[in-house]
């Protein structure tokens, strides 16, 4: 999705997108592309951040982060469909440090008002 469209989608759901990773003019939303704890969006009282562990198998090698994979094979992004995710990070919604919910895809992006964030 374009970075502009990603921003609009978040705004329509009551969130302010921070600094999404952009690769080849595509706004990346998959949590595994972000460092643990990275805040991707904020509401009035809450935030959405990456949390968890990543394990990827690519070309018969295991990687514990997307950045490790990309460092070893900078063309790997173009072969994303061949990445096998064994363990994936999630997006966590918290308010005042308290866990409220988690989700993995843009289709699951909740409205900030649902959690009074």
PDB file of N, CA and C in Angstrom:
ATOM      1  N   UNK A   1       0.854  -1.163   0.000  1.00  0.00           N
ATOM      2  CA  UNK A   1       0.000   0.000   0.000  1.00  0.00           C
ATOM      3  C   UNK A   1       0.908   1.236   0.000  1.00  0.00           C
ATOM      4  N   UNK A   2       0.487   2.278  -0.680  1.00  0.00           N
ATOM      5  CA  UNK A   2       1.305   3.493  -0.691  1.00  0.00           C
ATOM      6  C   UNK A   2       1.350   4.089   0.713  1.00  0.00           C
ATOM      7  N   UNK A   3       2.437   4.761   1.059  1.00  0.00           N
ATOM      8  CA  UNK A   3       2.524   5.375   2.388  1.00  0.00           C
ATOM      9  C   UNK A   3       1.381   6.359   2.646  1.00  0.00           C
ATOM     10  N   UNK A   4       0.934   7.076   1.616  1.00  0.00           N
ATOM     11  CA  UNK A   4      -0.159   8.034   1.776  1.00  0.00           C
ATOM     12  C   UNK A   4      -1.476   7.318   2.088  1.00  0.00           C
ATOM     13  N   UNK A   5      -1.737   6.219   1.385  1.00  0.00           N
ATOM     14  CA  UNK A   5      -2.955   5.441   1.631  1.00  0.00           C
ATOM     15  C   UNK A   5      -2.926   4.828   3.029  1.00  0.00           C
ATOM     16  N   UNK A   6      -1.775   4.366   3.454  1.00  0.00           N
ATOM     17  CA  UNK A   6      -1.625   3.804   4.801  1.00  0.00           C
ATOM     18  C   UNK A   6      -1.948   4.864   5.846  1.00  0.00           C
ATOM     19  N   UNK A   7      -1.432   6.058   5.648  1.00  0.00           N
ATOM     20  CA  UNK A   7      -1.698   7.171   6.571  1.00  0.00           C
ATOM     21  C   UNK A   7      -3.196   7.475   6.647  1.00  0.00           C
ATOM     22  N   UNK A   8      -3.847   7.531   5.496  1.00  0.00           N
ATOM     23  CA  UNK A   8      -5.286   7.813   5.454  1.00  0.00           C
ATOM     24  C   UNK A   8      -6.075   6.720   6.159  1.00  0.00           C
ATOM     25  N   UNK A   9      -5.716   5.465   5.932  1.00  0.00           N
ATOM     26  CA  UNK A   9      -6.400   4.349   6.576  1.00  0.00           C
ATOM     27  C   UNK A   9      -6.329   4.477   8.101  1.00  0.00           C
ATOM     28  N   UNK A  10      -5.150   4.809   8.607  1.00  0.00           N
ATOM     29  CA  UNK A  10      -5.000   4.984  10.055  1.00  0.00           C
ATOM     30  C   UNK A  10      -5.835   6.154  10.552  1.00  0.00           C
ATOM     31  N   UNK A  11      -5.794   7.258   9.826  1.00  0.00           N
ATOM     32  CA  UNK A  11      -6.567   8.434  10.232  1.00  0.00           C
ATOM     33  C   UNK A  11      -8.060   8.136  10.261  1.00  0.00           C
ATOM     34  N   UNK A  12      -8.548   7.385   9.280  1.00  0.00           N
ATOM     35  CA  UNK A  12      -9.967   7.020   9.254  1.00  0.00           C
ATOM     36  C   UNK A  12     -10.362   6.182  10.459  1.00  0.00           C
ATOM     37  N   UNK A  13      -9.399   5.502  11.042  1.00  0.00           N
ATOM     38  CA  UNK A  13      -9.649   4.670  12.227  1.00  0.00           C
ATOM     39  C   UNK A  13      -9.263   5.365  13.520  1.00  0.00           C
ATOM     40  N   UNK A  14      -8.910   6.653  13.441  1.00  0.00           N
ATOM     41  CA  UNK A  14      -8.642   7.436  14.648  1.00  0.00           C
ATOM     42  C   UNK A  14      -7.219   7.391  15.157  1.00  0.00           C
ATOM     43  N   UNK A  15      -6.281   6.896  14.360  1.00  0.00           N
ATOM     44  CA  UNK A  15      -4.882   6.783  14.757  1.00  0.00           C
ATOM     45  C   UNK A  15      -4.015   7.732  13.949  1.00  0.00           C
ATOM     46  N   UNK A  16      -2.927   8.169  14.530  1.00  0.00           N
ATOM     47  CA  UNK A  16      -1.941   8.970  13.801  1.00  0.00           C
ATOM     48  C   UNK A  16      -0.739   8.071  13.520  1.00  0.00           C
ATOM     49  N   UNK A  17      -0.497   7.804  12.251  1.00  0.00           N
ATOM     50  CA  UNK A  17       0.630   6.977  11.839  1.00  0.00           C
ATOM     51  C   UNK A  17       1.927   7.728  12.117  1.00  0.00           C
ATOM     52  N   UNK A  18       2.921   7.052  12.675  1.00  0.00           N
ATOM     53  CA  UNK A  18       4.191   7.713  12.996  1.00  0.00           C
ATOM     54  C   UNK A  18       5.120   7.631  11.789  1.00  0.00           C
ATOM     55  N   UNK A  19       6.102   6.789  11.815  1.00  0.00           N
ATOM     56  CA  UNK A  19       7.095   6.666  10.748  1.00  0.00           C
ATOM     57  C   UNK A  19       7.088   5.249  10.191  1.00  0.00           C
ATOM     58  N   UNK A  20       6.188   4.958   9.238  1.00  0.00           N
ATOM     59  CA  UNK A  20       6.184   3.592   8.698  1.00  0.00           C
ATOM     60  C   UNK A  20       7.430   3.336   7.858  1.00  0.00           C
ATOM     61  N   UNK A  21       7.831   2.105   7.802  1.00  0.00           N
ATOM     62  CA  UNK A  21       8.936   1.715   6.931  1.00  0.00           C
ATOM     63  C   UNK A  21       8.409   1.712   5.503  1.00  0.00           C
ATOM     64  N   UNK A  22       9.167   2.325   4.617  1.00  0.00           N
ATOM     65  CA  UNK A  22       8.792   2.359   3.202  1.00  0.00           C
ATOM     66  C   UNK A  22       9.890   1.655   2.417  1.00  0.00           C
ATOM     67  N   UNK A  23       9.497   0.683   1.633  1.00  0.00           N
ATOM     68  CA  UNK A  23      10.437  -0.100   0.828  1.00  0.00           C
ATOM     69  C   UNK A  23       9.898  -0.138  -0.594  1.00  0.00           C
ATOM     70  N   UNK A  24      10.714   0.333  -1.529  1.00  0.00           N
ATOM     71  CA  UNK A  24      10.323   0.362  -2.936  1.00  0.00           C
ATOM     72  C   UNK A  24       8.965   1.038  -3.120  1.00  0.00           C
ATOM     73  N   UNK A  25       8.775   2.180  -2.441  1.00  0.00           N
ATOM     74  CA  UNK A  25       7.569   3.013  -2.503  1.00  0.00           C
ATOM     75  C   UNK A  25       6.315   2.333  -1.960  1.00  0.00           C
ATOM     76  N   UNK A  26       6.507   1.319  -1.105  1.00  0.00           N
ATOM     77  CA  UNK A  26       5.395   0.616  -0.468  1.00  0.00           C
ATOM     78  C   UNK A  26       5.504   0.825   1.035  1.00  0.00           C
ATOM     79  N   UNK A  27       4.406   1.275   1.649  1.00  0.00           N
ATOM     80  CA  UNK A  27       4.365   1.403   3.102  1.00  0.00           C
ATOM     81  C   UNK A  27       4.198   0.021   3.710  1.00  0.00           C
ATOM     82  N   UNK A  28       5.174  -0.399   4.494  1.00  0.00           N
ATOM     83  CA  UNK A  28       5.174  -1.746   5.080  1.00  0.00           C
ATOM     84  C   UNK A  28       4.427  -1.717   6.413  1.00  0.00           C
ATOM     85  N   UNK A  29       3.513  -2.673   6.577  1.00  0.00           N
ATOM     86  CA  UNK A  29       2.772  -2.732   7.836  1.00  0.00           C
ATOM     87  C   UNK A  29       3.075  -3.985   8.643  1.00  0.00           C
ATOM     88  N   UNK A  30       3.593  -5.011   8.060  1.00  0.00           N
ATOM     89  CA  UNK A  30       3.857  -6.259   8.788  1.00  0.00           C
ATOM     90  C   UNK A  30       4.800  -5.992   9.956  1.00  0.00           C
ATOM     91  N   UNK A  31       4.372  -6.349  11.148  1.00  0.00           N
ATOM     92  CA  UNK A  31       5.123  -6.040  12.374  1.00  0.00           C
ATOM     93  C   UNK A  31       6.540  -6.601  12.370  1.00  0.00           C
ATOM     94  N   UNK A  32       6.762  -7.687  11.655  1.00  0.00           N
ATOM     95  CA  UNK A  32       8.084  -8.305  11.630  1.00  0.00           C
ATOM     96  C   UNK A  32       9.153  -7.410  10.999  1.00  0.00           C
ATOM     97  N   UNK A  33       8.753  -6.412  10.240  1.00  0.00           N
ATOM     98  CA  UNK A  33       9.706  -5.496   9.627  1.00  0.00           C
ATOM     99  C   UNK A  33      10.180  -4.414  10.614  1.00  0.00           C
ATOM    100  N   UNK A  34       9.562  -4.350  11.778  1.00  0.00           N
ATOM    101  CA  UNK A  34       9.853  -3.305  12.761  1.00  0.00           C
ATOM    102  C   UNK A  34      10.550  -3.881  13.987  1.00  0.00           C
ATOM    103  N   UNK A  35      11.398  -3.068  14.620  1.00  0.00           N
ATOM    104  CA  UNK A  35      12.017  -3.528  15.871  1.00  0.00           C
ATOM    105  C   UNK A  35      10.976  -3.679  16.974  1.00  0.00           C
ATOM    106  N   UNK A  36      11.237  -4.575  17.891  1.00  0.00           N
ATOM    107  CA  UNK A  36      10.339  -4.794  19.024  1.00  0.00           C
ATOM    108  C   UNK A  36      10.140  -3.480  19.772  1.00  0.00           C
ATOM    109  N   UNK A  37       8.885  -3.145  20.036  1.00  0.00           N
ATOM    110  CA  UNK A  37       8.565  -1.924  20.768  1.00  0.00           C
ATOM    111  C   UNK A  37       8.365  -0.700  19.888  1.00  0.00           C
ATOM    112  N   UNK A  38       8.574  -0.822  18.584  1.00  0.00           N
ATOM    113  CA  UNK A  38       8.426   0.311  17.679  1.00  0.00           C
ATOM    114  C   UNK A  38       6.966   0.764  17.650  1.00  0.00           C
ATOM    115  N   UNK A  39       6.728   2.039  17.928  1.00  0.00           N
ATOM    116  CA  UNK A  39       5.377   2.603  17.923  1.00  0.00           C
ATOM    117  C   UNK A  39       5.058   3.061  16.502  1.00  0.00           C
ATOM    118  N   UNK A  40       4.082   2.393  15.883  1.00  0.00           N
ATOM    119  CA  UNK A  40       3.718   2.712  14.499  1.00  0.00           C
ATOM    120  C   UNK A  40       2.574   3.729  14.442  1.00  0.00           C
ATOM    121  N   UNK A  41       1.783   3.811  15.517  1.00  0.00           N
ATOM    122  CA  UNK A  41       0.652   4.743  15.521  1.00  0.00           C
ATOM    123  C   UNK A  41       0.294   5.127  16.951  1.00  0.00           C
ATOM    124  N   UNK A  42      -0.308   6.305  17.064  1.00  0.00           N
ATOM    125  CA  UNK A  42      -0.749   6.791  18.372  1.00  0.00           C
ATOM    126  C   UNK A  42      -2.157   7.345  18.267  1.00  0.00           C
ATOM    127  N   UNK A  43      -2.889   7.211  19.363  1.00  0.00           N
ATOM    128  CA  UNK A  43      -4.200   7.829  19.501  1.00  0.00           C
ATOM    129  C   UNK A  43      -4.086   8.880  20.586  1.00  0.00           C
ATOM    130  N   UNK A  44      -5.202   9.441  21.003  1.00  0.00           N
ATOM    131  CA  UNK A  44      -5.169  10.446  22.079  1.00  0.00           C
ATOM    132  C   UNK A  44      -4.588   9.870  23.364  1.00  0.00           C
ATOM    133  N   UNK A  45      -4.939   8.619  23.655  1.00  0.00           N
ATOM    134  CA  UNK A  45      -4.523   8.013  24.927  1.00  0.00           C
ATOM    135  C   UNK A  45      -3.808   6.681  24.780  1.00  0.00           C
ATOM    136  N   UNK A  46      -3.689   6.178  23.574  1.00  0.00           N
ATOM    137  CA  UNK A  46      -3.095   4.864  23.383  1.00  0.00           C
ATOM    138  C   UNK A  46      -2.089   4.833  22.254  1.00  0.00           C
ATOM    139  N   UNK A  47      -1.504   3.661  22.067  1.00  0.00           N
ATOM    140  CA  UNK A  47      -0.527   3.499  20.998  1.00  0.00           C
ATOM    141  C   UNK A  47      -0.578   2.080  20.456  1.00  0.00           C
ATOM    142  N   UNK A  48      -0.036   1.937  19.254  1.00  0.00           N
ATOM    143  CA  UNK A  48       0.095   0.632  18.609  1.00  0.00           C
ATOM    144  C   UNK A  48       1.581   0.405  18.386  1.00  0.00           C
ATOM    145  N   UNK A  49       2.097  -0.724  18.890  1.00  0.00           N
ATOM    146  CA  UNK A  49       3.525  -1.002  18.748  1.00  0.00           C
ATOM    147  C   UNK A  49       3.777  -2.478  18.409  1.00  0.00           C
ATOM    148  N   UNK A  50       4.941  -2.732  17.801  1.00  0.00           N
ATOM    149  CA  UNK A  50       5.337  -4.090  17.425  1.00  0.00           C
ATOM    150  C   UNK A  50       5.805  -4.848  18.659  1.00  0.00           C
ATOM    151  N   UNK A  51       5.396  -6.113  18.746  1.00  0.00           N
ATOM    152  CA  UNK A  51       5.804  -6.915  19.891  1.00  0.00           C
ATOM    153  C   UNK A  51       5.881  -8.388  19.497  1.00  0.00           C
ATOM    154  N   UNK A  52       6.894  -9.055  20.023  1.00  0.00           N
ATOM    155  CA  UNK A  52       7.017 -10.483  19.796  1.00  0.00           C
ATOM    156  C   UNK A  52       8.350 -10.859  19.179  1.00  0.00           C
ATOM    157  N   UNK A  53       8.399 -12.062  18.661  1.00  0.00           N
ATOM    158  CA  UNK A  53       9.601 -12.625  18.058  1.00  0.00           C
ATOM    159  C   UNK A  53       9.333 -12.946  16.587  1.00  0.00           C
ATOM    160  N   UNK A  54      10.400 -12.946  15.812  1.00  0.00           N
ATOM    161  CA  UNK A  54      10.310 -13.293  14.397  1.00  0.00           C
ATOM    162  C   UNK A  54      11.241 -14.461  14.108  1.00  0.00           C
ATOM    163  N   UNK A  55      10.733 -15.422  13.351  1.00  0.00           N
ATOM    164  CA  UNK A  55      11.573 -16.504  12.817  1.00  0.00           C
ATOM    165  C   UNK A  55      11.146 -16.716  11.379  1.00  0.00           C
ATOM    166  N   UNK A  56      12.109 -16.593  10.479  1.00  0.00           N
ATOM    167  CA  UNK A  56      11.846 -16.722   9.052  1.00  0.00           C
ATOM    168  C   UNK A  56      12.791 -17.770   8.465  1.00  0.00           C
ATOM    169  N   UNK A  57      12.248 -18.623   7.620  1.00  0.00           N
ATOM    170  CA  UNK A  57      13.071 -19.546   6.844  1.00  0.00           C
ATOM    171  C   UNK A  57      13.085 -19.013   5.411  1.00  0.00           C
ATOM    172  N   UNK A  58      14.287 -18.812   4.891  1.00  0.00           N
ATOM    173  CA  UNK A  58      14.446 -18.359   3.515  1.00  0.00           C
ATOM    174  C   UNK A  58      15.686 -19.028   2.949  1.00  0.00           C
ATOM    175  N   UNK A  59      15.505 -19.698   1.834  1.00  0.00           N
ATOM    176  CA  UNK A  59      16.598 -20.435   1.197  1.00  0.00           C
ATOM    177  C   UNK A  59      17.286 -21.375   2.193  1.00  0.00           C
ATOM    178  N   UNK A  60      16.453 -22.092   2.952  1.00  0.00           N
ATOM    179  CA  UNK A  60      16.899 -23.113   3.906  1.00  0.00           C
ATOM    180  C   UNK A  60      17.720 -22.575   5.069  1.00  0.00           C
ATOM    181  N   UNK A  61      17.668 -21.267   5.315  1.00  0.00           N
ATOM    182  CA  UNK A  61      18.344 -20.668   6.468  1.00  0.00           C
ATOM    183  C   UNK A  61      17.303 -20.026   7.357  1.00  0.00           C
ATOM    184  N   UNK A  62      17.576 -20.007   8.655  1.00  0.00           N
ATOM    185  CA  UNK A  62      16.661 -19.398   9.613  1.00  0.00           C
ATOM    186  C   UNK A  62      17.188 -18.028  10.026  1.00  0.00           C
ATOM    187  N   UNK A  63      16.282 -17.061  10.095  1.00  0.00           N
ATOM    188  CA  UNK A  63      16.622 -15.694  10.498  1.00  0.00           C
ATOM    189  C   UNK A  63      15.712 -15.274  11.648  1.00  0.00           C
ATOM    190  N   UNK A  64      16.265 -14.500  12.578  1.00  0.00           N
ATOM    191  CA  UNK A  64      15.484 -14.047  13.722  1.00  0.00           C
ATOM    192  C   UNK A  64      14.973 -12.626  13.560  1.00  0.00           C
ATOM    193  N   UNK A  65      15.237 -12.019  12.399  1.00  0.00           N
ATOM    194  CA  UNK A  65      14.682 -10.697  12.108  1.00  0.00           C
ATOM    195  C   UNK A  65      14.731 -10.442  10.606  1.00  0.00           C
ATOM    196  N   UNK A  66      13.851  -9.588  10.160  1.00  0.00           N
ATOM    197  CA  UNK A  66      13.844  -9.195   8.755  1.00  0.00           C
ATOM    198  C   UNK A  66      15.142  -8.470   8.416  1.00  0.00           C
ATOM    199  N   UNK A  67      15.627  -7.643   9.338  1.00  0.00           N
ATOM    200  CA  UNK A  67      16.866  -6.895   9.058  1.00  0.00           C
ATOM    201  C   UNK A  67      18.054  -7.840   8.871  1.00  0.00           C
ATOM    202  N   UNK A  68      18.137  -8.918   9.661  1.00  0.00           N
ATOM    203  CA  UNK A  68      19.216  -9.903   9.472  1.00  0.00           C
ATOM    204  C   UNK A  68      19.122 -10.551   8.090  1.00  0.00           C
ATOM    205  N   UNK A  69      17.916 -10.899   7.696  1.00  0.00           N
ATOM    206  CA  UNK A  69      17.705 -11.499   6.386  1.00  0.00           C
ATOM    207  C   UNK A  69      18.104 -10.528   5.274  1.00  0.00           C
ATOM    208  N   UNK A  70      17.686  -9.285   5.387  1.00  0.00           N
ATOM    209  CA  UNK A  70      17.981  -8.296   4.356  1.00  0.00           C
ATOM    210  C   UNK A  70      19.475  -7.953   4.304  1.00  0.00           C
ATOM    211  N   UNK A  71      20.143  -8.001   5.448  1.00  0.00           N
ATOM    212  CA  UNK A  71      21.584  -7.753   5.462  1.00  0.00           C
ATOM    213  C   UNK A  71      22.338  -8.846   4.714  1.00  0.00           C
ATOM    214  N   UNK A  72      21.863 -10.073   4.875  1.00  0.00           N
ATOM    215  CA  UNK A  72      22.545 -11.188   4.234  1.00  0.00           C
ATOM    216  C   UNK A  72      22.196 -11.307   2.745  1.00  0.00           C
ATOM    217  N   UNK A  73      20.960 -10.962   2.407  1.00  0.00           N
ATOM    218  CA  UNK A  73      20.513 -11.083   1.011  1.00  0.00           C
ATOM    219  C   UNK A  73      19.650  -9.876   0.678  1.00  0.00           C
ATOM    220  N   UNK A  74      20.270  -8.803   0.195  1.00  0.00           N
ATOM    221  CA  UNK A  74      19.558  -7.551  -0.025  1.00  0.00           C
ATOM    222  C   UNK A  74      18.509  -7.658  -1.140  1.00  0.00           C
ATOM    223  N   UNK A  75      18.516  -8.716  -1.921  1.00  0.00           N
ATOM    224  CA  UNK A  75      17.502  -8.923  -2.955  1.00  0.00           C
ATOM    225  C   UNK A  75      16.310  -9.742  -2.441  1.00  0.00           C
ATOM    226  N   UNK A  76      16.363 -10.163  -1.183  1.00  0.00           N
ATOM    227  CA  UNK A  76      15.327 -11.034  -0.618  1.00  0.00           C
ATOM    228  C   UNK A  76      13.950 -10.390  -0.616  1.00  0.00           C
ATOM    229  N   UNK A  77      13.867  -9.083  -0.475  1.00  0.00           N
ATOM    230  CA  UNK A  77      12.568  -8.413  -0.442  1.00  0.00           C
ATOM    231  C   UNK A  77      11.766  -8.726  -1.709  1.00  0.00           C
ATOM    232  N   UNK A  78      12.435  -8.790  -2.830  1.00  0.00           N
ATOM    233  CA  UNK A  78      11.780  -9.120  -4.088  1.00  0.00           C
ATOM    234  C   UNK A  78      11.274 -10.552  -4.151  1.00  0.00           C
ATOM    235  N   UNK A  79      11.703 -11.380  -3.195  1.00  0.00           N
ATOM    236  CA  UNK A  79      11.274 -12.781  -3.130  1.00  0.00           C
ATOM    237  C   UNK A  79      10.458 -13.042  -1.865  1.00  0.00           C
ATOM    238  N   UNK A  80       9.763 -12.003  -1.403  1.00  0.00           N
ATOM    239  CA  UNK A  80       8.999 -12.080  -0.157  1.00  0.00           C
ATOM    240  C   UNK A  80       8.055 -13.291  -0.129  1.00  0.00           C
ATOM    241  N   UNK A  81       7.463 -13.626  -1.251  1.00  0.00           N
ATOM    242  CA  UNK A  81       6.523 -14.755  -1.297  1.00  0.00           C
ATOM    243  C   UNK A  81       7.195 -16.074  -0.921  1.00  0.00           C
ATOM    244  N   UNK A  82       8.514 -16.122  -0.977  1.00  0.00           N
ATOM    245  CA  UNK A  82       9.250 -17.337  -0.630  1.00  0.00           C
ATOM    246  C   UNK A  82       9.689 -17.374   0.837  1.00  0.00           C
ATOM    247  N   UNK A  83       9.401 -16.327   1.587  1.00  0.00           N
ATOM    248  CA  UNK A  83       9.738 -16.314   3.005  1.00  0.00           C
ATOM    249  C   UNK A  83       8.732 -17.177   3.750  1.00  0.00           C
ATOM    250  N   UNK A  84       9.220 -18.029   4.622  1.00  0.00           N
ATOM    251  CA  UNK A  84       8.327 -18.844   5.441  1.00  0.00           C
ATOM    252  C   UNK A  84       8.414 -18.340   6.884  1.00  0.00           C
ATOM    253  N   UNK A  85       7.335 -17.742   7.345  1.00  0.00           N
ATOM    254  CA  UNK A  85       7.307 -17.214   8.709  1.00  0.00           C
ATOM    255  C   UNK A  85       6.924 -18.335   9.664  1.00  0.00           C
ATOM    256  N   UNK A  86       7.846 -18.667  10.554  1.00  0.00           N
ATOM    257  CA  UNK A  86       7.626 -19.700  11.561  1.00  0.00           C
ATOM    258  C   UNK A  86       7.029 -19.069  12.819  1.00  0.00           C
ATOM    259  N   UNK A  87       7.496 -17.882  13.133  1.00  0.00           N
ATOM    260  CA  UNK A  87       7.015 -17.129  14.293  1.00  0.00           C
ATOM    261  C   UNK A  87       6.892 -15.670  13.853  1.00  0.00           C
ATOM    262  N   UNK A  88       5.775 -15.010  14.225  1.00  0.00           N
ATOM    263  CA  UNK A  88       5.532 -13.648  13.764  1.00  0.00           C
ATOM    264  C   UNK A  88       5.219 -12.703  14.916  1.00  0.00           C
ATOM    265  N   UNK A  89       5.690 -11.470  14.768  1.00  0.00           N
ATOM    266  CA  UNK A  89       5.335 -10.411  15.709  1.00  0.00           C
ATOM    267  C   UNK A  89       3.889 -10.013  15.471  1.00  0.00           C
ATOM    268  N   UNK A  90       3.332  -9.317  16.450  1.00  0.00           N
ATOM    269  CA  UNK A  90       1.988  -8.761  16.338  1.00  0.00           C
ATOM    270  C   UNK A  90       2.040  -7.277  16.658  1.00  0.00           C
ATOM    271  N   UNK A  91       0.957  -6.603  16.314  1.00  0.00           N
ATOM    272  CA  UNK A  91       0.770  -5.220  16.733  1.00  0.00           C
ATOM    273  C   UNK A  91      -0.029  -5.240  18.026  1.00  0.00           C
ATOM    274  N   UNK A  92       0.464  -4.539  19.027  1.00  0.00           N
ATOM    275  CA  UNK A  92      -0.185  -4.482  20.333  1.00  0.00           C
ATOM    276  C   UNK A  92      -0.762  -3.086  20.534  1.00  0.00           C
ATOM    277  N   UNK A  93      -1.970  -3.052  21.043  1.00  0.00           N
ATOM    278  CA  UNK A  93      -2.601  -1.785  21.406  1.00  0.00           C
ATOM    279  C   UNK A  93      -2.532  -1.672  22.914  1.00  0.00           C
ATOM    280  N   UNK A  94      -1.991  -0.544  23.384  1.00  0.00           N
ATOM    281  CA  UNK A  94      -1.929  -0.333  24.831  1.00  0.00           C
ATOM    282  C   UNK A  94      -2.382   1.086  25.158  1.00  0.00           C
ATOM    283  N   UNK A  95      -2.804   1.234  26.386  1.00  0.00           N
ATOM    284  CA  UNK A  95      -3.254   2.533  26.900  1.00  0.00           C
ATOM    285  C   UNK A  95      -2.657   2.687  28.284  1.00  0.00           C
ATOM    286  N   UNK A  96      -1.868   3.727  28.449  1.00  0.00           N
ATOM    287  CA  UNK A  96      -1.181   3.975  29.725  1.00  0.00           C
ATOM    288  C   UNK A  96      -0.384   2.752  30.169  1.00  0.00           C
ATOM    289  N   UNK A  97       0.253   2.083  29.204  1.00  0.00           N
ATOM    290  CA  UNK A  97       1.096   0.929  29.492  1.00  0.00           C
ATOM    291  C   UNK A  97       0.353  -0.380  29.681  1.00  0.00           C
ATOM    292  N   UNK A  98      -0.969  -0.343  29.639  1.00  0.00           N
ATOM    293  CA  UNK A  98      -1.770  -1.548  29.838  1.00  0.00           C
ATOM    294  C   UNK A  98      -2.139  -2.176  28.498  1.00  0.00           C
ATOM    295  N   UNK A  99      -1.893  -3.484  28.343  1.00  0.00           N
ATOM    296  CA  UNK A  99      -2.244  -4.210  27.123  1.00  0.00           C
ATOM    297  C   UNK A  99      -3.752  -4.227  26.965  1.00  0.00           C
ATOM    298  N   UNK A 100      -4.225  -3.888  25.755  1.00  0.00           N
ATOM    299  CA  UNK A 100      -5.658  -3.915  25.482  1.00  0.00           C
ATOM    300  C   UNK A 100      -6.033  -4.983  24.459  1.00  0.00           C
ATOM    301  N   UNK A 101      -5.208  -5.112  23.425  1.00  0.00           N
ATOM    302  CA  UNK A 101      -5.519  -6.040  22.352  1.00  0.00           C
ATOM    303  C   UNK A 101      -4.303  -6.212  21.456  1.00  0.00           C
ATOM    304  N   UNK A 102      -4.388  -7.161  20.535  1.00  0.00           N
ATOM    305  CA  UNK A 102      -3.332  -7.319  19.537  1.00  0.00           C
ATOM    306  C   UNK A 102      -3.973  -7.756  18.223  1.00  0.00           C
ATOM    307  N   UNK A 103      -3.251  -7.515  17.140  1.00  0.00           N
ATOM    308  CA  UNK A 103      -3.725  -7.906  15.821  1.00  0.00           C
ATOM    309  C   UNK A 103      -2.525  -8.035  14.895  1.00  0.00           C
ATOM    310  N   UNK A 104      -2.749  -8.613  13.705  1.00  0.00           N
ATOM    311  CA  UNK A 104      -1.633  -8.882  12.799  1.00  0.00           C
ATOM    312  C   UNK A 104      -1.730  -8.195  11.440  1.00  0.00           C
ATOM    313  N   UNK A 105      -2.937  -7.969  10.948  1.00  0.00           N
ATOM    314  CA  UNK A 105      -3.085  -7.446   9.593  1.00  0.00           C
ATOM    315  C   UNK A 105      -3.848  -6.134   9.571  1.00  0.00           C
ATOM    316  N   UNK A 106      -3.716  -5.414   8.466  1.00  0.00           N
ATOM    317  CA  UNK A 106      -4.455  -4.163   8.299  1.00  0.00           C
ATOM    318  C   UNK A 106      -5.956  -4.394   8.327  1.00  0.00           C
ATOM    319  N   UNK A 107      -6.390  -5.557   7.870  1.00  0.00           N
ATOM    320  CA  UNK A 107      -7.820  -5.866   7.894  1.00  0.00           C
ATOM    321  C   UNK A 107      -8.360  -5.906   9.322  1.00  0.00           C
ATOM    322  N   UNK A 108      -7.469  -6.127  10.297  1.00  0.00           N
ATOM    323  CA  UNK A 108      -7.872  -6.214  11.703  1.00  0.00           C
ATOM    324  C   UNK A 108      -7.664  -4.896  12.451  1.00  0.00           C
ATOM    325  N   UNK A 109      -7.178  -3.858  11.764  1.00  0.00           N
ATOM    326  CA  UNK A 109      -6.911  -2.572  12.418  1.00  0.00           C
ATOM    327  C   UNK A 109      -8.199  -2.027  13.030  1.00  0.00           C
ATOM    328  N   UNK A 110      -8.252  -1.913  14.353  1.00  0.00           N
ATOM    329  CA  UNK A 110      -9.482  -1.432  14.993  1.00  0.00           C
ATOM    330  C   UNK A 110      -9.523   0.093  15.071  1.00  0.00           C
ATOM    331  N   UNK A 111     -10.702   0.601  15.262  1.00  0.00           N
ATOM    332  CA  UNK A 111     -10.866   2.033  15.493  1.00  0.00           C
ATOM    333  C   UNK A 111     -10.328   2.366  16.889  1.00  0.00           C
ATOM    334  N   UNK A 112      -9.649   3.502  16.990  1.00  0.00           N
ATOM    335  CA  UNK A 112      -9.113   3.935  18.289  1.00  0.00           C
ATOM    336  C   UNK A 112     -10.234   4.090  19.307  1.00  0.00           C
ATOM    337  N   UNK A 113     -11.396   4.517  18.853  1.00  0.00           N
ATOM    338  CA  UNK A 113     -12.519   4.731  19.764  1.00  0.00           C
ATOM    339  C   UNK A 113     -12.990   3.438  20.419  1.00  0.00           C
ATOM    340  N   UNK A 114     -12.768   2.295  19.777  1.00  0.00           N
ATOM    341  CA  UNK A 114     -13.168   1.013  20.346  1.00  0.00           C
ATOM    342  C   UNK A 114     -12.502   0.796  21.711  1.00  0.00           C
ATOM    343  N   UNK A 115     -11.270   1.288  21.851  1.00  0.00           N
ATOM    344  CA  UNK A 115     -10.529   1.116  23.089  1.00  0.00           C
ATOM    345  C   UNK A 115     -10.377   2.435  23.865  1.00  0.00           C
ATOM    346  N   UNK A 116     -11.134   3.442  23.426  1.00  0.00           N
ATOM    347  CA  UNK A 116     -11.050   4.787  24.021  1.00  0.00           C
ATOM    348  C   UNK A 116      -9.627   5.296  24.035  1.00  0.00           C
ATOM    349  N   UNK A 117      -8.961   5.045  22.929  1.00  0.00           N
ATOM    350  CA  UNK A 117      -7.574   5.487  22.763  1.00  0.00           C
ATOM    351  C   UNK A 117      -7.519   6.768  21.966  1.00  0.00           C
TER     352      UNK A 117
END
